[in-house]
């Protein structure tokens, strides 16, 4: 009887350990320095601006910190930071880079993408909600994408997309 109980306990604990190991391995694969280009819109209805960015990605078994700088039109510079922690496959943290102030992030990973809900500090594009995807592309690249609903059309609009390669 004791061995059956022991096996049941081990079976229940194994999936949690495997999930933690999977997340740790995934996070470690995002460690390093990255640079790339992309586009950004200040609002869903504003024109697209081309940007160039550099990021440093620091990771632990349970966290990811993306610290970067993006430049547009050679005159505008914006510091960007996202700090995430994971508990199992659930992610939470903060995003700094919007003029609205620090935003809350929460979500989970599916495959090579961390899908996050953004909760802005103030109303942006008619509400306080948007989405962010941090996606690993192959062994040496990642893509950061933010989408938001255009309040006039109700359609999802990509407000920023940055393609980064390991440097």
C-alpha atoms as a PDB file:
ATOM      1  CA  UNK A   1       0.000   0.000   0.000  1.00  0.00           C
ATOM      2  CA  UNK A   2       2.816   2.433   0.904  1.00  0.00           C
ATOM      3  CA  UNK A   3       4.538   1.810  -2.438  1.00  0.00           C
ATOM      4  CA  UNK A   4       1.294   2.552  -4.329  1.00  0.00           C
ATOM      5  CA  UNK A   5       0.885   5.844  -2.427  1.00  0.00           C
ATOM      6  CA  UNK A   6       4.545   6.664  -3.100  1.00  0.00           C
ATOM      7  CA  UNK A   7       4.092   5.996  -6.829  1.00  0.00           C
ATOM      8  CA  UNK A   8       0.960   8.168  -6.940  1.00  0.00           C
ATOM      9  CA  UNK A   9       2.764  11.035  -5.220  1.00  0.00           C
ATOM     10  CA  UNK A  10       5.728  10.694  -7.583  1.00  0.00           C
ATOM     11  CA  UNK A  11       3.410  10.618 -10.600  1.00  0.00           C
ATOM     12  CA  UNK A  12       1.716  13.810  -9.416  1.00  0.00           C
ATOM     13  CA  UNK A  13       5.020  15.602  -8.819  1.00  0.00           C
ATOM     14  CA  UNK A  14       6.713  14.539 -12.064  1.00  0.00           C
ATOM     15  CA  UNK A  15       4.629  16.734 -14.413  1.00  0.00           C
ATOM     16  CA  UNK A  16       5.386  19.824 -12.311  1.00  0.00           C
ATOM     17  CA  UNK A  17       9.103  19.070 -12.383  1.00  0.00           C
ATOM     18  CA  UNK A  18       9.024  18.458 -16.128  1.00  0.00           C
ATOM     19  CA  UNK A  19       7.110  21.719 -16.720  1.00  0.00           C
ATOM     20  CA  UNK A  20       9.663  23.646 -14.645  1.00  0.00           C
ATOM     21  CA  UNK A  21      12.531  22.019 -16.533  1.00  0.00           C
ATOM     22  CA  UNK A  22      10.884  22.858 -19.876  1.00  0.00           C
ATOM     23  CA  UNK A  23      10.429  26.518 -18.874  1.00  0.00           C
ATOM     24  CA  UNK A  24      13.986  26.768 -17.536  1.00  0.00           C
ATOM     25  CA  UNK A  25      15.405  25.357 -20.765  1.00  0.00           C
ATOM     26  CA  UNK A  26      13.241  27.676 -22.864  1.00  0.00           C
ATOM     27  CA  UNK A  27      14.221  30.742 -20.830  1.00  0.00           C
ATOM     28  CA  UNK A  28      17.941  29.890 -20.961  1.00  0.00           C
ATOM     29  CA  UNK A  29      17.690  29.724 -24.766  1.00  0.00           C
ATOM     30  CA  UNK A  30      16.717  33.431 -24.784  1.00  0.00           C
ATOM     31  CA  UNK A  31      19.823  34.565 -22.849  1.00  0.00           C
ATOM     32  CA  UNK A  32      22.152  37.017 -24.604  1.00  0.00           C
ATOM     33  CA  UNK A  33      22.480  40.218 -26.572  1.00  0.00           C
ATOM     34  CA  UNK A  34      20.156  40.934 -29.498  1.00  0.00           C
ATOM     35  CA  UNK A  35      19.769  43.654 -32.116  1.00  0.00           C
ATOM     36  CA  UNK A  36      17.289  44.260 -34.890  1.00  0.00           C
ATOM     37  CA  UNK A  37      14.700  46.379 -36.586  1.00  0.00           C
ATOM     38  CA  UNK A  38      10.980  46.766 -36.545  1.00  0.00           C
ATOM     39  CA  UNK A  39       8.040  49.100 -36.625  1.00  0.00           C
ATOM     40  CA  UNK A  40       6.032  50.991 -34.036  1.00  0.00           C
ATOM     41  CA  UNK A  41       2.824  53.044 -33.914  1.00  0.00           C
ATOM     42  CA  UNK A  42       2.240  55.434 -31.030  1.00  0.00           C
ATOM     43  CA  UNK A  43      -1.528  54.791 -31.345  1.00  0.00           C
ATOM     44  CA  UNK A  44      -3.514  52.329 -33.471  1.00  0.00           C
ATOM     45  CA  UNK A  45      -4.422  55.112 -35.906  1.00  0.00           C
ATOM     46  CA  UNK A  46      -0.976  56.776 -36.130  1.00  0.00           C
ATOM     47  CA  UNK A  47       1.539  56.206 -38.934  1.00  0.00           C
ATOM     48  CA  UNK A  48       4.096  53.413 -38.725  1.00  0.00           C
ATOM     49  CA  UNK A  49       7.662  54.421 -37.791  1.00  0.00           C
ATOM     50  CA  UNK A  50      10.705  52.281 -38.501  1.00  0.00           C
ATOM     51  CA  UNK A  51      12.884  51.563 -35.479  1.00  0.00           C
ATOM     52  CA  UNK A  52      16.193  49.907 -34.687  1.00  0.00           C
ATOM     53  CA  UNK A  53      16.747  48.283 -31.307  1.00  0.00           C
ATOM     54  CA  UNK A  54      19.307  46.594 -29.099  1.00  0.00           C
ATOM     55  CA  UNK A  55      18.372  44.339 -26.187  1.00  0.00           C
ATOM     56  CA  UNK A  56      20.108  42.406 -23.452  1.00  0.00           C
ATOM     57  CA  UNK A  57      18.209  39.345 -22.279  1.00  0.00           C
ATOM     58  CA  UNK A  58      19.037  38.026 -18.817  1.00  0.00           C
ATOM     59  CA  UNK A  59      17.453  34.786 -17.674  1.00  0.00           C
ATOM     60  CA  UNK A  60      17.296  32.418 -14.745  1.00  0.00           C
ATOM     61  CA  UNK A  61      15.409  29.130 -14.459  1.00  0.00           C
ATOM     62  CA  UNK A  62      12.271  31.112 -13.544  1.00  0.00           C
ATOM     63  CA  UNK A  63      12.716  34.612 -14.999  1.00  0.00           C
ATOM     64  CA  UNK A  64      13.336  36.646 -18.146  1.00  0.00           C
ATOM     65  CA  UNK A  65      14.433  40.293 -18.233  1.00  0.00           C
ATOM     66  CA  UNK A  66      14.582  42.115 -21.560  1.00  0.00           C
ATOM     67  CA  UNK A  67      16.335  45.465 -21.307  1.00  0.00           C
ATOM     68  CA  UNK A  68      16.579  47.502 -24.495  1.00  0.00           C
ATOM     69  CA  UNK A  69      16.731  50.752 -26.362  1.00  0.00           C
ATOM     70  CA  UNK A  70      14.881  51.547 -29.576  1.00  0.00           C
ATOM     71  CA  UNK A  71      15.528  54.480 -31.890  1.00  0.00           C
ATOM     72  CA  UNK A  72      13.251  56.034 -34.498  1.00  0.00           C
ATOM     73  CA  UNK A  73      14.152  58.699 -37.046  1.00  0.00           C
ATOM     74  CA  UNK A  74      17.601  59.107 -35.479  1.00  0.00           C
ATOM     75  CA  UNK A  75      16.152  61.623 -32.991  1.00  0.00           C
ATOM     76  CA  UNK A  76      13.762  59.648 -30.813  1.00  0.00           C
ATOM     77  CA  UNK A  77      15.043  57.079 -28.302  1.00  0.00           C
ATOM     78  CA  UNK A  78      12.961  54.952 -25.953  1.00  0.00           C
ATOM     79  CA  UNK A  79      14.140  52.666 -23.169  1.00  0.00           C
ATOM     80  CA  UNK A  80      12.160  49.416 -23.034  1.00  0.00           C
ATOM     81  CA  UNK A  81      12.131  46.790 -20.317  1.00  0.00           C
ATOM     82  CA  UNK A  82      10.086  43.665 -19.670  1.00  0.00           C
ATOM     83  CA  UNK A  83      10.573  41.592 -16.537  1.00  0.00           C
ATOM     84  CA  UNK A  84       8.822  38.226 -16.350  1.00  0.00           C
ATOM     85  CA  UNK A  85       8.759  35.430 -13.816  1.00  0.00           C
ATOM     86  CA  UNK A  86       7.266  32.005 -14.311  1.00  0.00           C
ATOM     87  CA  UNK A  87       5.534  29.634 -11.974  1.00  0.00           C
ATOM     88  CA  UNK A  88       5.066  26.436 -13.922  1.00  0.00           C
ATOM     89  CA  UNK A  89       3.809  27.581 -17.313  1.00  0.00           C
ATOM     90  CA  UNK A  90       2.208  30.811 -16.008  1.00  0.00           C
ATOM     91  CA  UNK A  91       4.084  34.063 -16.614  1.00  0.00           C
ATOM     92  CA  UNK A  92       3.643  37.442 -14.920  1.00  0.00           C
ATOM     93  CA  UNK A  93       5.591  40.657 -14.695  1.00  0.00           C
ATOM     94  CA  UNK A  94       5.893  44.259 -15.831  1.00  0.00           C
ATOM     95  CA  UNK A  95       6.566  46.171 -19.021  1.00  0.00           C
ATOM     96  CA  UNK A  96       8.099  49.645 -19.071  1.00  0.00           C
ATOM     97  CA  UNK A  97       8.323  51.593 -22.295  1.00  0.00           C
ATOM     98  CA  UNK A  98       4.919  53.130 -22.865  1.00  0.00           C
ATOM     99  CA  UNK A  99       4.218  56.752 -21.959  1.00  0.00           C
ATOM    100  CA  UNK A 100       1.261  55.448 -19.925  1.00  0.00           C
ATOM    101  CA  UNK A 101       3.641  54.081 -17.262  1.00  0.00           C
ATOM    102  CA  UNK A 102       4.519  50.564 -16.115  1.00  0.00           C
ATOM    103  CA  UNK A 103       2.118  47.920 -17.408  1.00  0.00           C
ATOM    104  CA  UNK A 104       1.235  44.547 -15.894  1.00  0.00           C
ATOM    105  CA  UNK A 105       1.926  41.396 -17.938  1.00  0.00           C
ATOM    106  CA  UNK A 106       0.342  37.974 -17.466  1.00  0.00           C
ATOM    107  CA  UNK A 107       0.006  34.896 -19.623  1.00  0.00           C
ATOM    108  CA  UNK A 108       1.510  31.572 -20.570  1.00  0.00           C
ATOM    109  CA  UNK A 109       3.791  29.920 -23.103  1.00  0.00           C
ATOM    110  CA  UNK A 110       2.602  27.896 -26.070  1.00  0.00           C
ATOM    111  CA  UNK A 111       5.411  26.300 -28.051  1.00  0.00           C
ATOM    112  CA  UNK A 112       8.092  28.940 -28.652  1.00  0.00           C
ATOM    113  CA  UNK A 113       5.862  31.925 -27.805  1.00  0.00           C
ATOM    114  CA  UNK A 114       5.048  33.572 -24.483  1.00  0.00           C
ATOM    115  CA  UNK A 115       1.555  35.025 -24.984  1.00  0.00           C
ATOM    116  CA  UNK A 116       0.917  37.897 -22.596  1.00  0.00           C
ATOM    117  CA  UNK A 117      -1.999  40.121 -21.745  1.00  0.00           C
ATOM    118  CA  UNK A 118      -0.969  43.725 -21.127  1.00  0.00           C
ATOM    119  CA  UNK A 119      -2.781  45.895 -18.594  1.00  0.00           C
ATOM    120  CA  UNK A 120      -1.663  49.503 -19.253  1.00  0.00           C
ATOM    121  CA  UNK A 121      -1.290  51.932 -16.325  1.00  0.00           C
ATOM    122  CA  UNK A 122      -3.644  54.367 -18.120  1.00  0.00           C
ATOM    123  CA  UNK A 123      -6.096  54.209 -21.008  1.00  0.00           C
ATOM    124  CA  UNK A 124      -4.344  53.574 -24.338  1.00  0.00           C
ATOM    125  CA  UNK A 125      -6.339  53.267 -27.581  1.00  0.00           C
ATOM    126  CA  UNK A 126      -9.644  53.480 -25.732  1.00  0.00           C
ATOM    127  CA  UNK A 127      -8.965  50.923 -22.994  1.00  0.00           C
ATOM    128  CA  UNK A 128      -6.220  49.509 -20.785  1.00  0.00           C
ATOM    129  CA  UNK A 129      -5.814  46.125 -22.528  1.00  0.00           C
ATOM    130  CA  UNK A 130      -3.448  44.876 -25.258  1.00  0.00           C
ATOM    131  CA  UNK A 131      -1.432  41.750 -26.072  1.00  0.00           C
ATOM    132  CA  UNK A 132       2.287  41.034 -26.295  1.00  0.00           C
ATOM    133  CA  UNK A 133       4.012  37.998 -27.756  1.00  0.00           C
ATOM    134  CA  UNK A 134       7.654  37.191 -27.006  1.00  0.00           C
ATOM    135  CA  UNK A 135       8.500  34.570 -29.616  1.00  0.00           C
ATOM    136  CA  UNK A 136      11.689  32.564 -30.047  1.00  0.00           C
ATOM    137  CA  UNK A 137      12.524  32.268 -33.759  1.00  0.00           C
ATOM    138  CA  UNK A 138      15.030  29.481 -34.335  1.00  0.00           C
ATOM    139  CA  UNK A 139      18.128  29.234 -32.160  1.00  0.00           C
ATOM    140  CA  UNK A 140      19.334  32.838 -32.450  1.00  0.00           C
ATOM    141  CA  UNK A 141      16.395  35.181 -32.938  1.00  0.00           C
ATOM    142  CA  UNK A 142      13.259  36.450 -31.263  1.00  0.00           C
ATOM    143  CA  UNK A 143      10.287  38.610 -32.190  1.00  0.00           C
ATOM    144  CA  UNK A 144       8.460  41.003 -29.874  1.00  0.00           C
ATOM    145  CA  UNK A 145       4.945  41.909 -31.043  1.00  0.00           C
ATOM    146  CA  UNK A 146       2.343  44.132 -29.391  1.00  0.00           C
ATOM    147  CA  UNK A 147      -1.227  44.252 -30.708  1.00  0.00           C
ATOM    148  CA  UNK A 148      -4.148  46.381 -29.640  1.00  0.00           C
ATOM    149  CA  UNK A 149      -7.753  46.905 -30.706  1.00  0.00           C
ATOM    150  CA  UNK A 150      -8.421  50.013 -32.782  1.00  0.00           C
ATOM    151  CA  UNK A 151     -11.339  51.688 -30.947  1.00  0.00           C
ATOM    152  CA  UNK A 152     -12.828  53.006 -34.219  1.00  0.00           C
ATOM    153  CA  UNK A 153     -12.802  49.766 -36.236  1.00  0.00           C
ATOM    154  CA  UNK A 154     -12.704  47.087 -33.531  1.00  0.00           C
ATOM    155  CA  UNK A 155      -9.891  45.352 -35.440  1.00  0.00           C
ATOM    156  CA  UNK A 156      -6.607  44.168 -33.971  1.00  0.00           C
ATOM    157  CA  UNK A 157      -3.662  46.344 -35.036  1.00  0.00           C
ATOM    158  CA  UNK A 158       0.033  45.574 -34.658  1.00  0.00           C
ATOM    159  CA  UNK A 159       1.341  48.564 -32.701  1.00  0.00           C
ATOM    160  CA  UNK A 160       4.918  47.273 -32.548  1.00  0.00           C
ATOM    161  CA  UNK A 161       6.880  44.438 -34.047  1.00  0.00           C
ATOM    162  CA  UNK A 162      10.597  44.033 -33.459  1.00  0.00           C
ATOM    163  CA  UNK A 163      12.649  41.245 -35.066  1.00  0.00           C
ATOM    164  CA  UNK A 164      15.867  40.628 -33.140  1.00  0.00           C
ATOM    165  CA  UNK A 165      18.900  38.460 -33.873  1.00  0.00           C
ATOM    166  CA  UNK A 166      21.585  37.355 -31.434  1.00  0.00           C
ATOM    167  CA  UNK A 167      24.733  39.501 -31.700  1.00  0.00           C
END
